[in-house]
Amino acid sequence: MRQVVLDTETTGLSVGHGHRIIEIGCLELVDRRLTGREFHRFLNPDRDIDEGAEAVHGISRADLENEPRFPEIVDDLLEFLKGAELVIHNATFDIGFIEHELRLMKHPQPKMQKHATVLDTLTLARKIHPGQRNTLDALCKRYAVDATKRDVHGALIDSELLANVYLAMTGGQTALLLDEDSSRRETGAAGGDKSRTGRALRDSVASDLELVVIKASQEEEAAHEALLKKIRKSGACVWDFD
C-alpha cells in the first residue's frame, strides 16, 4: 500500500475569505514504512498573511516573495499524490484549500477524489479516543511521539509527526506482523543461498526427530466436546467440521 502523509500551512483559516496555501509538505509511506521520498514546497500566495496564522507557522509574506505560485508546482504535486491514500489530520481543511487552489487556476480536475483517496486521522482518532482531545499535539503526547524539536508549525515537520502518530495509532498486532514479514523478506533477499541452506538444515534435523504424540484422554475429549456444544449455541464454529 502506498500512502502519502500531507499537511499544509496557509495565510488564514478560510478559503471563503480568500486565504491561500503557502506551504505543502508530503511524506511517502509504503507498506507502513517511511521511504524517504518527500514533496515540499513554499508558495507565494500573492496576499497578506493573517497575524494569527503567522504566529502559528512563523512564515511572513516577505519570506515567500521569491517562491513559486501554486500553478507552477501543481503537476509535480499531483504526480506525487497520484493513486495514493492521503493521510491527513483534519482532512477537510487541507483538501478544501488544495481544491480551492485547483479551482482558481481552472484545473480540469479540481476534485482530489480524481487523484487520490483520503484517510482523515482526526476522524479516526475520535473513533478510537471519543470524548478526548485529538489535536496533533495531544496525539503526540498520547502516543509518546517526540515533538520537542518543533518550535512552530510547519507542513513537513507536521507531516513527519503525523506519520509517526498514525503508525502508532493504527499499529497494534497488525503492524508487528507486517514488520516481521518484511524483515523475513529482506533477510531472504539479502541472504540468498543462506536462507535456502537454513531451510535445508532445519528439514534435515526434523527428519531425524522421533515425534511423540500424546493423545487426549476420554475425560479431556468429553470436556472439549462439552465446550464446543456451548460455543455452537452462539453460532457456527469456523473450526468445527462435524
Protein backbone atom coordinates (compact mmCIF):
# COMPACT_ATOMS: atom_id res chain seq x y z
CA MET A 1 0.00 0.00 0.00
CA ARG A 2 1.28 3.45 -0.93
CA GLN A 3 0.23 6.32 1.35
CA VAL A 4 1.20 9.98 1.44
CA VAL A 5 1.09 11.90 4.71
CA LEU A 6 0.20 15.50 3.85
CA ASP A 7 -0.02 18.83 5.64
CA THR A 8 -0.39 22.44 4.55
CA GLU A 9 0.19 25.89 6.04
CA THR A 10 -1.99 28.77 4.89
CA THR A 11 -2.44 32.54 5.10
CA GLY A 12 -5.55 32.06 7.26
CA LEU A 13 -8.36 29.74 8.19
CA SER A 14 -10.93 30.11 5.43
CA VAL A 15 -10.93 29.83 1.64
CA GLY A 16 -14.16 31.81 1.83
CA HIS A 17 -12.12 34.83 2.88
CA GLY A 18 -9.65 34.34 0.05
CA HIS A 19 -6.91 32.63 2.02
CA ARG A 20 -4.25 30.64 0.19
CA ILE A 21 -1.74 27.85 0.69
CA ILE A 22 1.81 28.94 1.49
CA GLU A 23 3.44 25.57 2.25
CA ILE A 24 2.80 21.93 1.32
CA GLY A 25 4.68 19.03 2.91
CA CYS A 26 4.26 15.35 1.98
CA LEU A 27 5.99 12.16 3.09
CA GLU A 28 5.63 8.77 1.38
CA LEU A 29 4.75 5.56 3.22
CA VAL A 30 4.90 2.18 1.50
CA ASP A 31 3.65 -0.83 3.45
CA ARG A 32 3.61 1.34 6.60
CA ARG A 33 7.26 2.35 6.28
CA LEU A 34 8.65 5.81 5.52
CA THR A 35 10.55 5.55 2.24
CA GLY A 36 12.49 8.81 2.44
CA ARG A 37 10.64 10.28 -0.57
CA GLU A 38 9.06 13.65 0.09
CA PHE A 39 7.43 16.60 -1.63
CA HIS A 40 7.94 20.02 -0.05
CA ARG A 41 7.25 23.47 -1.45
CA PHE A 42 6.79 27.01 -0.16
CA LEU A 43 4.36 29.09 -2.24
CA ASN A 44 3.83 32.77 -2.94
CA PRO A 45 0.17 33.49 -2.06
CA ASP A 46 0.04 36.99 -3.59
CA ARG A 47 -1.69 38.28 -0.47
CA ASP A 48 -1.03 39.16 3.16
CA ILE A 49 -0.87 36.57 5.93
CA ASP A 50 -3.13 36.90 8.97
CA GLU A 51 -1.28 37.71 12.18
CA GLY A 52 -2.79 34.71 13.91
CA ALA A 53 -1.66 32.37 11.15
CA GLU A 54 1.85 33.85 11.09
CA ALA A 55 2.10 33.35 14.84
CA VAL A 56 1.37 29.63 14.31
CA HIS A 57 3.76 28.85 11.45
CA GLY A 58 6.21 31.78 11.61
CA ILE A 59 6.13 32.41 7.85
CA SER A 60 5.85 36.03 6.67
CA ARG A 61 4.81 37.35 3.27
CA ALA A 62 8.36 38.64 2.76
CA ASP A 63 9.67 35.10 3.19
CA LEU A 64 7.60 33.99 0.19
CA GLU A 65 8.23 36.76 -2.35
CA ASN A 66 10.61 34.64 -4.44
CA GLU A 67 8.75 31.34 -4.09
CA PRO A 68 6.74 29.76 -6.94
CA ARG A 69 2.98 30.06 -7.22
CA PHE A 70 0.66 27.07 -6.98
CA PRO A 71 0.13 26.61 -10.76
CA GLU A 72 3.91 26.29 -11.17
CA ILE A 73 4.15 23.26 -8.87
CA VAL A 74 0.75 21.62 -9.34
CA ASP A 75 1.87 19.00 -11.88
CA ASP A 76 4.69 17.80 -9.63
CA LEU A 77 2.36 17.75 -6.63
CA LEU A 78 -0.40 15.74 -8.34
CA GLU A 79 2.15 13.32 -9.76
CA PHE A 80 3.48 12.69 -6.25
CA LEU A 81 -0.04 12.16 -4.88
CA LYS A 82 -1.33 10.11 -7.82
CA GLY A 83 -3.07 6.90 -6.78
CA ALA A 84 -2.04 7.16 -3.12
CA GLU A 85 -4.12 7.18 0.03
CA LEU A 86 -3.62 10.59 1.61
CA VAL A 87 -3.21 10.56 5.39
CA ILE A 88 -4.26 13.99 6.69
CA HIS A 89 -5.24 15.33 10.11
CA ASN A 90 -8.49 17.28 9.71
CA ALA A 91 -8.56 16.47 6.00
CA THR A 92 -11.50 18.78 5.26
CA PHE A 93 -9.25 21.78 5.89
CA ASP A 94 -6.27 20.75 3.74
CA ILE A 95 -8.31 19.20 0.93
CA GLY A 96 -10.54 22.27 0.88
CA PHE A 97 -7.53 24.53 0.37
CA ILE A 98 -5.96 22.33 -2.32
CA GLU A 99 -9.24 22.12 -4.24
CA HIS A 100 -9.62 25.90 -3.89
CA GLU A 101 -6.20 26.38 -5.50
CA LEU A 102 -7.13 23.97 -8.29
CA ARG A 103 -10.37 25.88 -8.96
CA LEU A 104 -8.58 29.24 -9.00
CA MET A 105 -6.26 28.03 -11.75
CA LYS A 106 -9.18 26.38 -13.58
CA HIS A 107 -7.61 22.93 -13.40
CA PRO A 108 -9.58 20.37 -15.47
CA GLN A 109 -9.81 18.00 -12.45
CA PRO A 110 -10.20 20.18 -9.34
CA LYS A 111 -11.59 17.41 -7.11
CA MET A 112 -8.98 15.47 -5.14
CA GLN A 113 -11.01 12.27 -5.42
CA LYS A 114 -9.88 12.19 -9.06
CA HIS A 115 -6.26 11.97 -7.94
CA ALA A 116 -6.17 10.10 -4.61
CA THR A 117 -8.23 8.73 -1.73
CA VAL A 118 -8.20 10.32 1.72
CA LEU A 119 -7.91 8.98 5.26
CA ASP A 120 -8.71 11.59 7.93
CA THR A 121 -6.73 10.82 11.09
CA LEU A 122 -8.83 13.26 13.11
CA THR A 123 -11.98 11.24 12.36
CA LEU A 124 -10.05 8.06 13.12
CA ALA A 125 -8.72 9.44 16.42
CA ARG A 126 -12.21 10.50 17.51
CA LYS A 127 -13.43 6.93 17.00
CA ILE A 128 -10.52 5.46 18.94
CA HIS A 129 -10.49 8.14 21.69
CA PRO A 130 -14.07 9.50 21.96
CA GLY A 131 -14.52 12.50 24.21
CA GLN A 132 -10.80 13.27 24.37
CA ARG A 133 -8.65 15.99 22.80
CA ASN A 134 -7.45 14.72 19.44
CA THR A 135 -5.31 17.55 18.11
CA LEU A 136 -1.98 16.51 16.62
CA ASP A 137 -0.21 17.84 19.72
CA ALA A 138 -2.50 15.83 22.02
CA LEU A 139 -1.95 12.68 19.99
CA CYS A 140 1.82 13.16 20.04
CA LYS A 141 1.69 13.20 23.84
CA ARG A 142 -0.70 10.24 23.98
CA TYR A 143 1.48 8.08 21.74
CA ALA A 144 4.83 9.36 23.04
CA VAL A 145 5.82 10.89 19.69
CA ASP A 146 8.62 13.39 20.29
CA ALA A 147 7.54 16.86 19.14
CA THR A 148 10.10 18.83 21.15
CA LYS A 149 12.10 19.85 18.06
CA ARG A 150 9.15 21.80 16.66
CA ASP A 151 9.16 25.47 17.64
CA VAL A 152 6.43 26.46 15.18
CA HIS A 153 4.11 24.53 12.92
CA GLY A 154 5.50 23.56 9.52
CA ALA A 155 3.99 21.41 6.80
CA LEU A 156 6.90 18.97 6.53
CA ILE A 157 7.62 18.57 10.23
CA ASP A 158 3.91 18.20 10.99
CA SER A 159 3.69 15.53 8.29
CA GLU A 160 6.52 13.65 9.99
CA LEU A 161 4.82 13.89 13.38
CA LEU A 162 1.52 12.77 11.86
CA ALA A 163 3.18 9.81 10.15
CA ASN A 164 4.55 8.61 13.49
CA VAL A 165 1.22 9.21 15.26
CA TYR A 166 -0.70 7.39 12.52
CA LEU A 167 1.61 4.37 12.64
CA ALA A 168 1.37 4.23 16.43
CA MET A 169 -2.40 4.74 16.44
CA THR A 170 -3.07 2.04 13.86
CA GLY A 171 -0.15 -0.27 14.68
CA GLY A 172 -1.03 -2.96 17.19
CA GLN A 173 -0.51 -6.57 16.20
CA THR A 174 -1.06 -5.84 12.52
CA ALA A 175 1.99 -3.60 12.36
CA LEU A 176 4.10 -6.13 14.23
CA LEU A 177 3.14 -8.85 11.78
CA LEU A 178 3.88 -6.61 8.82
CA ASP A 179 7.26 -5.68 10.23
CA GLU A 180 8.10 -9.32 10.90
CA ASP A 181 7.01 -10.33 7.42
CA SER A 182 9.01 -7.50 5.83
CA SER A 183 12.04 -8.48 7.90
CA ARG A 184 11.78 -12.04 6.66
CA ARG A 185 11.55 -10.88 3.05
CA GLU A 186 14.57 -8.60 3.48
CA THR A 187 16.57 -11.39 5.15
CA GLY A 188 15.65 -13.79 2.37
CA ALA A 189 16.58 -11.29 -0.33
CA ALA A 190 19.88 -10.41 1.31
CA GLY A 191 20.74 -13.94 2.39
CA GLY A 192 20.24 -15.69 -0.94
CA ASP A 193 21.63 -19.22 -0.64
CA LYS A 194 21.96 -18.81 3.13
CA SER A 195 18.17 -18.81 3.59
CA ARG A 196 17.82 -21.95 1.48
CA THR A 197 20.68 -23.57 3.38
CA GLY A 198 18.95 -22.76 6.64
CA ARG A 199 15.70 -24.36 5.47
CA ALA A 200 17.56 -27.46 4.27
CA LEU A 201 19.29 -27.76 7.64
CA ARG A 202 16.00 -27.46 9.51
CA ASP A 203 14.39 -30.06 7.24
CA SER A 204 17.32 -32.39 7.79
CA VAL A 205 17.11 -32.06 11.56
CA ALA A 206 13.33 -32.50 11.52
CA SER A 207 13.62 -35.72 9.52
CA ASP A 208 15.83 -37.25 12.23
CA LEU A 209 13.41 -36.45 15.05
CA GLU A 210 11.04 -39.04 16.51
CA LEU A 211 7.98 -37.02 17.46
CA VAL A 212 5.97 -38.17 20.48
CA VAL A 213 2.21 -37.81 20.04
CA ILE A 214 0.22 -37.64 23.26
CA LYS A 215 -3.46 -38.33 22.65
CA ALA A 216 -6.20 -36.73 24.72
CA SER A 217 -7.80 -38.88 27.38
CA GLN A 218 -11.51 -39.76 27.28
CA GLU A 219 -12.16 -37.21 30.04
CA GLU A 220 -10.35 -34.49 28.09
CA GLU A 221 -12.25 -35.32 24.89
CA ALA A 222 -15.54 -35.20 26.78
CA ALA A 223 -14.68 -31.81 28.32
CA HIS A 224 -13.68 -30.50 24.87
CA GLU A 225 -16.96 -31.67 23.32
CA ALA A 226 -18.95 -30.08 26.14
CA LEU A 227 -17.21 -26.75 25.50
CA LEU A 228 -17.90 -27.00 21.75
CA LYS A 229 -21.59 -27.56 22.44
CA LYS A 230 -21.68 -24.29 24.41
CA ILE A 231 -19.91 -22.43 21.61
CA ARG A 232 -22.22 -23.91 18.94
CA LYS A 233 -25.22 -22.32 20.68
CA SER A 234 -23.77 -18.85 19.99
CA GLY A 235 -23.27 -19.55 16.28
CA ALA A 236 -21.22 -21.61 13.83
CA CYS A 237 -17.70 -22.62 14.82
CA VAL A 238 -15.33 -21.93 11.93
CA TRP A 239 -13.10 -24.80 13.11
CA ASP A 240 -15.97 -27.28 13.65
CA PHE A 241 -16.11 -29.70 10.72
CA ASP A 242 -18.65 -32.20 12.12
